[in-house]
Amino acid sequence: MEFIGYIKEHESGLVKMGVSINDIEPAENWLLMEYYSEVLNYLEKAPILLGFLRWLYDENGESIGPLMIHTDGHWIWPSYLVYYLNRGYQSMIPDEFMHYMHNVKFMVMPLTDEKRKSVEIFYTNAYQSRRKRER
């Protein structure tokens, strides 16, 4: 499993998984542009792993929306990824993820209980192991 699209400015915990928005260059991805609506649909329709009672704003104070964590069982991403893709930060989607979505024909499948539990454990362990390394 892999994390994608995390931005430090939107992480409120002690452990930060993402990179700063200031370190990401807006860039166009031709493959993403070819399947833009399919990608956005995939990202927005994937099962929600976690939902937070937190509303997000960008660096200019513009409203992004509520923070949710989505997963397809292999990739894990925050709901604000779509917002930043729409602002031109297409480099936030790795080629491996583009190929993965293309291979599954941009169809999001429901998670089995077993797969959801596996993703929850992975997510929790990833933050716990980072916390231990940062101490």
N, C-alpha and C. Protein backbone atom coordinates (compact mmCIF):
# COMPACT_ATOMS: atom_id res chain seq x y z
N MET A 1 0.84 -1.18 0.00
CA MET A 1 0.00 0.00 0.00
C MET A 1 0.88 1.24 0.00
N GLU A 2 0.35 2.29 -0.57
CA GLU A 2 1.13 3.52 -0.69
C GLU A 2 0.28 4.76 -0.43
N PHE A 3 0.91 5.76 0.17
CA PHE A 3 0.28 7.06 0.40
C PHE A 3 0.62 7.98 -0.77
N ILE A 4 -0.35 8.76 -1.22
CA ILE A 4 -0.09 9.77 -2.24
C ILE A 4 -0.87 11.04 -1.91
N GLY A 5 -0.37 12.18 -2.37
CA GLY A 5 -1.10 13.43 -2.30
C GLY A 5 -1.16 14.13 -0.97
N TYR A 6 -0.33 13.75 -0.03
CA TYR A 6 -0.37 14.40 1.28
C TYR A 6 0.45 15.69 1.29
N ILE A 7 -0.11 16.73 1.90
CA ILE A 7 0.54 18.03 1.98
C ILE A 7 0.69 18.40 3.46
N LYS A 8 1.92 18.76 3.84
CA LYS A 8 2.22 19.05 5.25
C LYS A 8 1.32 20.12 5.85
N GLU A 9 1.00 21.12 5.07
CA GLU A 9 0.20 22.23 5.60
C GLU A 9 -1.20 21.79 6.05
N HIS A 10 -1.65 20.63 5.62
CA HIS A 10 -2.97 20.13 6.00
C HIS A 10 -2.90 19.01 7.02
N GLU A 11 -1.73 18.72 7.53
CA GLU A 11 -1.57 17.68 8.53
C GLU A 11 -1.41 18.35 9.89
N SER A 12 -2.32 18.02 10.80
CA SER A 12 -2.31 18.71 12.10
C SER A 12 -1.62 17.90 13.20
N GLY A 13 -1.33 16.64 12.96
CA GLY A 13 -0.71 15.82 13.99
C GLY A 13 0.78 16.08 14.14
N LEU A 14 1.37 15.38 15.06
CA LEU A 14 2.81 15.50 15.28
C LEU A 14 3.62 14.93 14.13
N VAL A 15 3.06 13.93 13.48
CA VAL A 15 3.76 13.25 12.39
C VAL A 15 3.25 13.79 11.06
N LYS A 16 4.17 14.16 10.18
CA LYS A 16 3.82 14.68 8.86
C LYS A 16 4.29 13.69 7.80
N MET A 17 3.36 13.24 6.95
CA MET A 17 3.68 12.29 5.89
C MET A 17 3.99 13.01 4.58
N GLY A 18 3.42 14.18 4.39
CA GLY A 18 3.46 14.84 3.10
C GLY A 18 4.63 15.78 2.90
N VAL A 19 4.55 16.47 1.77
CA VAL A 19 5.53 17.50 1.42
C VAL A 19 4.83 18.85 1.49
N SER A 20 5.60 19.90 1.55
CA SER A 20 5.03 21.24 1.57
C SER A 20 4.49 21.60 0.19
N ILE A 21 3.36 22.29 0.14
CA ILE A 21 2.81 22.75 -1.13
C ILE A 21 3.81 23.67 -1.83
N ASN A 22 4.65 24.34 -1.05
CA ASN A 22 5.65 25.24 -1.63
C ASN A 22 6.75 24.48 -2.37
N ASP A 23 6.87 23.19 -2.10
CA ASP A 23 7.89 22.36 -2.76
C ASP A 23 7.35 21.61 -3.97
N ILE A 24 6.07 21.82 -4.29
CA ILE A 24 5.46 21.15 -5.43
C ILE A 24 5.26 22.16 -6.55
N GLU A 25 5.79 21.85 -7.71
CA GLU A 25 5.62 22.72 -8.87
C GLU A 25 4.36 22.32 -9.63
N PRO A 26 3.52 23.29 -9.97
CA PRO A 26 2.40 22.95 -10.86
C PRO A 26 2.97 22.41 -12.17
N ALA A 27 2.47 21.29 -12.61
CA ALA A 27 2.97 20.67 -13.83
C ALA A 27 1.84 19.86 -14.47
N GLU A 28 1.83 19.84 -15.79
CA GLU A 28 0.81 19.09 -16.52
C GLU A 28 1.30 17.69 -16.81
N ASN A 29 0.41 16.74 -16.64
CA ASN A 29 0.69 15.33 -16.91
C ASN A 29 -0.20 14.92 -18.08
N TRP A 30 0.36 14.59 -19.23
CA TRP A 30 -0.44 14.31 -20.42
C TRP A 30 -1.38 13.13 -20.21
N LEU A 31 -0.93 12.09 -19.50
CA LEU A 31 -1.77 10.92 -19.27
C LEU A 31 -2.95 11.29 -18.36
N LEU A 32 -2.66 12.08 -17.34
CA LEU A 32 -3.73 12.53 -16.44
C LEU A 32 -4.73 13.39 -17.21
N MET A 33 -4.24 14.27 -18.07
CA MET A 33 -5.14 15.14 -18.84
C MET A 33 -6.04 14.33 -19.77
N GLU A 34 -5.50 13.26 -20.33
CA GLU A 34 -6.28 12.43 -21.25
C GLU A 34 -7.46 11.76 -20.53
N TYR A 35 -7.27 11.43 -19.26
CA TYR A 35 -8.30 10.73 -18.49
C TYR A 35 -8.74 11.56 -17.28
N TYR A 36 -8.73 12.86 -17.41
CA TYR A 36 -8.95 13.75 -16.28
C TYR A 36 -10.26 13.46 -15.54
N SER A 37 -11.37 13.40 -16.24
CA SER A 37 -12.65 13.19 -15.55
C SER A 37 -12.71 11.82 -14.90
N GLU A 38 -12.11 10.81 -15.53
CA GLU A 38 -12.09 9.47 -14.95
C GLU A 38 -11.26 9.44 -13.67
N VAL A 39 -10.14 10.15 -13.68
CA VAL A 39 -9.27 10.21 -12.50
C VAL A 39 -9.99 10.90 -11.35
N LEU A 40 -10.59 12.06 -11.62
CA LEU A 40 -11.31 12.78 -10.56
C LEU A 40 -12.45 11.93 -10.00
N ASN A 41 -13.17 11.25 -10.87
CA ASN A 41 -14.26 10.37 -10.41
C ASN A 41 -13.71 9.26 -9.52
N TYR A 42 -12.60 8.65 -9.94
CA TYR A 42 -11.98 7.58 -9.17
C TYR A 42 -11.59 8.07 -7.78
N LEU A 43 -10.93 9.22 -7.73
CA LEU A 43 -10.46 9.77 -6.46
C LEU A 43 -11.63 10.11 -5.52
N GLU A 44 -12.69 10.66 -6.08
CA GLU A 44 -13.82 11.10 -5.26
C GLU A 44 -14.75 9.96 -4.86
N LYS A 45 -14.83 8.93 -5.67
CA LYS A 45 -15.77 7.83 -5.42
C LYS A 45 -15.17 6.67 -4.63
N ALA A 46 -13.87 6.67 -4.43
CA ALA A 46 -13.23 5.58 -3.69
C ALA A 46 -13.75 5.56 -2.26
N PRO A 47 -13.77 4.39 -1.64
CA PRO A 47 -14.25 4.29 -0.27
C PRO A 47 -13.50 5.23 0.68
N ILE A 48 -14.22 5.73 1.66
CA ILE A 48 -13.62 6.60 2.68
C ILE A 48 -13.10 5.71 3.80
N LEU A 49 -11.83 5.86 4.07
CA LEU A 49 -11.20 5.12 5.16
C LEU A 49 -11.45 5.82 6.48
N LEU A 50 -11.27 7.14 6.48
CA LEU A 50 -11.46 7.97 7.68
C LEU A 50 -12.11 9.29 7.30
N GLY A 51 -12.93 9.80 8.18
CA GLY A 51 -13.49 11.13 8.02
C GLY A 51 -13.17 11.94 9.26
N PHE A 52 -12.82 13.20 9.07
CA PHE A 52 -12.45 14.06 10.19
C PHE A 52 -13.43 15.22 10.30
N LEU A 53 -13.63 15.71 11.50
CA LEU A 53 -14.46 16.89 11.71
C LEU A 53 -13.58 18.13 11.58
N ARG A 54 -13.05 18.29 10.40
CA ARG A 54 -12.12 19.39 10.15
C ARG A 54 -12.32 19.92 8.74
N TRP A 55 -12.52 21.22 8.62
CA TRP A 55 -12.67 21.87 7.32
C TRP A 55 -11.31 22.44 6.93
N LEU A 56 -10.93 22.25 5.67
CA LEU A 56 -9.62 22.70 5.21
C LEU A 56 -9.70 23.95 4.36
N TYR A 57 -8.63 24.74 4.45
CA TYR A 57 -8.48 25.96 3.64
C TYR A 57 -7.10 25.93 3.01
N ASP A 58 -6.98 26.53 1.83
CA ASP A 58 -5.67 26.57 1.19
C ASP A 58 -4.82 27.70 1.77
N GLU A 59 -3.63 27.87 1.21
CA GLU A 59 -2.69 28.85 1.74
C GLU A 59 -3.19 30.29 1.59
N ASN A 60 -4.23 30.51 0.75
CA ASN A 60 -4.81 31.85 0.57
C ASN A 60 -6.12 32.02 1.34
N GLY A 61 -6.48 31.01 2.15
CA GLY A 61 -7.70 31.08 2.92
C GLY A 61 -8.94 30.62 2.18
N GLU A 62 -8.76 30.11 0.95
CA GLU A 62 -9.90 29.61 0.18
C GLU A 62 -10.36 28.26 0.73
N SER A 63 -11.66 28.05 0.76
CA SER A 63 -12.23 26.82 1.28
C SER A 63 -11.93 25.64 0.36
N ILE A 64 -11.46 24.53 0.95
CA ILE A 64 -11.22 23.30 0.20
C ILE A 64 -12.35 22.32 0.45
N GLY A 65 -12.69 22.10 1.71
CA GLY A 65 -13.74 21.15 2.07
C GLY A 65 -13.32 20.33 3.26
N PRO A 66 -14.14 19.34 3.62
CA PRO A 66 -13.82 18.51 4.79
C PRO A 66 -12.67 17.56 4.47
N LEU A 67 -11.93 17.20 5.50
CA LEU A 67 -10.83 16.25 5.35
C LEU A 67 -11.36 14.83 5.47
N MET A 68 -11.11 14.05 4.43
CA MET A 68 -11.43 12.63 4.42
C MET A 68 -10.23 11.90 3.83
N ILE A 69 -10.05 10.67 4.22
CA ILE A 69 -8.99 9.84 3.67
C ILE A 69 -9.66 8.73 2.87
N HIS A 70 -9.29 8.64 1.58
CA HIS A 70 -9.85 7.65 0.67
C HIS A 70 -8.84 6.53 0.43
N THR A 71 -9.36 5.38 0.03
CA THR A 71 -8.49 4.28 -0.36
C THR A 71 -9.21 3.38 -1.36
N ASP A 72 -8.42 2.75 -2.20
CA ASP A 72 -8.96 1.71 -3.08
C ASP A 72 -8.45 0.33 -2.64
N GLY A 73 -7.79 0.32 -1.49
CA GLY A 73 -7.23 -0.91 -0.97
C GLY A 73 -5.75 -1.06 -1.24
N HIS A 74 -5.24 -0.27 -2.16
CA HIS A 74 -3.80 -0.28 -2.46
C HIS A 74 -3.19 1.11 -2.25
N TRP A 75 -3.87 2.12 -2.70
CA TRP A 75 -3.42 3.51 -2.58
C TRP A 75 -4.28 4.21 -1.54
N ILE A 76 -3.67 5.18 -0.84
CA ILE A 76 -4.36 5.94 0.21
C ILE A 76 -4.09 7.43 -0.05
N TRP A 77 -5.16 8.24 -0.10
CA TRP A 77 -4.99 9.66 -0.39
C TRP A 77 -6.03 10.50 0.34
N PRO A 78 -5.68 11.78 0.56
CA PRO A 78 -6.61 12.71 1.22
C PRO A 78 -7.59 13.32 0.21
N SER A 79 -8.74 13.71 0.70
CA SER A 79 -9.78 14.29 -0.17
C SER A 79 -9.30 15.56 -0.87
N TYR A 80 -8.39 16.30 -0.27
CA TYR A 80 -7.95 17.56 -0.88
C TYR A 80 -7.08 17.35 -2.12
N LEU A 81 -6.71 16.12 -2.42
CA LEU A 81 -5.92 15.87 -3.62
C LEU A 81 -6.64 16.38 -4.87
N VAL A 82 -7.94 16.19 -4.95
CA VAL A 82 -8.71 16.65 -6.10
C VAL A 82 -8.63 18.17 -6.23
N TYR A 83 -8.71 18.87 -5.11
CA TYR A 83 -8.63 20.33 -5.13
C TYR A 83 -7.31 20.79 -5.76
N TYR A 84 -6.22 20.17 -5.35
CA TYR A 84 -4.91 20.58 -5.87
C TYR A 84 -4.68 20.13 -7.31
N LEU A 85 -5.27 19.03 -7.72
CA LEU A 85 -5.20 18.65 -9.13
C LEU A 85 -5.89 19.70 -9.99
N ASN A 86 -7.04 20.17 -9.51
CA ASN A 86 -7.78 21.22 -10.24
C ASN A 86 -7.02 22.54 -10.28
N ARG A 87 -6.08 22.73 -9.38
CA ARG A 87 -5.25 23.94 -9.37
C ARG A 87 -3.95 23.76 -10.17
N GLY A 88 -3.80 22.61 -10.81
CA GLY A 88 -2.65 22.41 -11.69
C GLY A 88 -1.51 21.60 -11.11
N TYR A 89 -1.66 21.09 -9.91
CA TYR A 89 -0.60 20.31 -9.27
C TYR A 89 -0.71 18.83 -9.67
N GLN A 90 -0.62 18.58 -10.95
CA GLN A 90 -0.82 17.23 -11.46
C GLN A 90 0.34 16.30 -11.17
N SER A 91 1.46 16.86 -10.78
CA SER A 91 2.61 16.02 -10.41
C SER A 91 2.36 15.27 -9.11
N MET A 92 1.27 15.58 -8.42
CA MET A 92 0.94 14.88 -7.18
C MET A 92 0.43 13.46 -7.45
N ILE A 93 0.12 13.17 -8.71
CA ILE A 93 -0.32 11.82 -9.09
C ILE A 93 0.87 11.09 -9.70
N PRO A 94 1.41 10.10 -9.01
CA PRO A 94 2.55 9.37 -9.58
C PRO A 94 2.12 8.53 -10.79
N ASP A 95 3.06 8.34 -11.70
CA ASP A 95 2.77 7.54 -12.90
C ASP A 95 2.28 6.15 -12.54
N GLU A 96 2.82 5.56 -11.47
CA GLU A 96 2.41 4.22 -11.07
C GLU A 96 0.92 4.18 -10.72
N PHE A 97 0.43 5.25 -10.08
CA PHE A 97 -0.99 5.32 -9.73
C PHE A 97 -1.83 5.50 -10.99
N MET A 98 -1.37 6.32 -11.92
CA MET A 98 -2.08 6.51 -13.19
C MET A 98 -2.22 5.18 -13.91
N HIS A 99 -1.14 4.43 -13.99
CA HIS A 99 -1.18 3.14 -14.67
C HIS A 99 -2.09 2.16 -13.93
N TYR A 100 -2.05 2.20 -12.61
CA TYR A 100 -2.92 1.34 -11.81
C TYR A 100 -4.39 1.63 -12.11
N MET A 101 -4.78 2.91 -12.06
CA MET A 101 -6.17 3.28 -12.34
C MET A 101 -6.57 2.88 -13.76
N HIS A 102 -5.66 3.11 -14.70
CA HIS A 102 -5.94 2.76 -16.09
C HIS A 102 -6.14 1.25 -16.23
N ASN A 103 -5.31 0.46 -15.54
CA ASN A 103 -5.41 -1.00 -15.63
C ASN A 103 -6.72 -1.54 -15.05
N VAL A 104 -7.27 -0.85 -14.06
CA VAL A 104 -8.57 -1.27 -13.50
C VAL A 104 -9.72 -0.52 -14.16
N LYS A 105 -9.41 0.12 -15.28
CA LYS A 105 -10.40 0.86 -16.08
C LYS A 105 -11.14 1.92 -15.27
N PHE A 106 -10.42 2.52 -14.33
CA PHE A 106 -10.94 3.61 -13.50
C PHE A 106 -12.21 3.20 -12.74
N MET A 107 -12.33 1.92 -12.47
CA MET A 107 -13.48 1.40 -11.71
C MET A 107 -13.07 1.16 -10.27
N VAL A 108 -13.73 1.83 -9.36
CA VAL A 108 -13.47 1.66 -7.93
C VAL A 108 -14.35 0.53 -7.42
N MET A 109 -13.71 -0.43 -6.81
CA MET A 109 -14.44 -1.56 -6.25
C MET A 109 -14.64 -1.35 -4.75
N PRO A 110 -15.74 -1.85 -4.21
CA PRO A 110 -15.93 -1.75 -2.76
C PRO A 110 -14.85 -2.55 -2.03
N LEU A 111 -14.54 -2.12 -0.83
CA LEU A 111 -13.56 -2.85 -0.03
C LEU A 111 -14.26 -3.96 0.75
N THR A 112 -13.63 -5.11 0.78
CA THR A 112 -14.12 -6.17 1.66
C THR A 112 -13.78 -5.76 3.09
N ASP A 113 -14.44 -6.35 4.05
CA ASP A 113 -14.13 -6.07 5.46
C ASP A 113 -12.68 -6.40 5.76
N GLU A 114 -12.21 -7.50 5.19
CA GLU A 114 -10.82 -7.92 5.41
C GLU A 114 -9.83 -6.90 4.83
N LYS A 115 -10.11 -6.40 3.63
CA LYS A 115 -9.22 -5.42 3.00
C LYS A 115 -9.25 -4.10 3.76
N ARG A 116 -10.44 -3.67 4.19
CA ARG A 116 -10.54 -2.42 4.97
C ARG A 116 -9.72 -2.52 6.24
N LYS A 117 -9.83 -3.63 6.94
CA LYS A 117 -9.06 -3.84 8.16
C LYS A 117 -7.57 -3.80 7.87
N SER A 118 -7.16 -4.41 6.77
CA SER A 118 -5.76 -4.42 6.37
C SER A 118 -5.25 -2.99 6.12
N VAL A 119 -6.05 -2.18 5.44
CA VAL A 119 -5.67 -0.79 5.16
C VAL A 119 -5.62 0.02 6.46
N GLU A 120 -6.58 -0.19 7.35
CA GLU A 120 -6.60 0.52 8.64
C GLU A 120 -5.34 0.21 9.43
N ILE A 121 -4.94 -1.05 9.46
CA ILE A 121 -3.72 -1.45 10.18
C ILE A 121 -2.50 -0.81 9.54
N PHE A 122 -2.42 -0.84 8.21
CA PHE A 122 -1.30 -0.23 7.51
C PHE A 122 -1.22 1.26 7.81
N TYR A 123 -2.35 1.95 7.74
CA TYR A 123 -2.42 3.40 7.99
C TYR A 123 -1.94 3.72 9.40
N THR A 124 -2.47 3.01 10.37
CA THR A 124 -2.10 3.23 11.77
C THR A 124 -0.62 2.94 12.00
N ASN A 125 -0.14 1.82 11.50
CA ASN A 125 1.27 1.45 11.68
C ASN A 125 2.21 2.44 11.01
N ALA A 126 1.82 2.98 9.86
CA ALA A 126 2.67 3.95 9.16
C ALA A 126 2.90 5.19 10.02
N TYR A 127 1.84 5.68 10.64
CA TYR A 127 1.99 6.87 11.49
C TYR A 127 2.74 6.55 12.78
N GLN A 128 2.47 5.38 13.34
CA GLN A 128 3.17 5.01 14.58
C GLN A 128 4.66 4.82 14.35
N SER A 129 5.03 4.19 13.24
CA SER A 129 6.46 3.98 12.98
C SER A 129 7.17 5.29 12.67
N ARG A 130 6.49 6.21 12.00
CA ARG A 130 7.10 7.53 11.74
C ARG A 130 7.27 8.30 13.04
N ARG A 131 6.29 8.19 13.92
CA ARG A 131 6.35 8.90 15.20
C ARG A 131 7.57 8.41 16.00
N LYS A 132 7.80 7.10 16.00
CA LYS A 132 8.94 6.54 16.72
C LYS A 132 10.26 7.02 16.12
N ARG A 133 10.34 7.10 14.79
CA ARG A 133 11.57 7.56 14.14
C ARG A 133 11.84 9.03 14.39
N GLU A 134 10.79 9.83 14.56
CA GLU A 134 10.96 11.28 14.74
C GLU A 134 11.25 11.67 16.19
N ARG A 135 11.20 10.71 17.09
CA ARG A 135 11.47 11.04 18.50
C ARG A 135 12.93 11.20 18.75
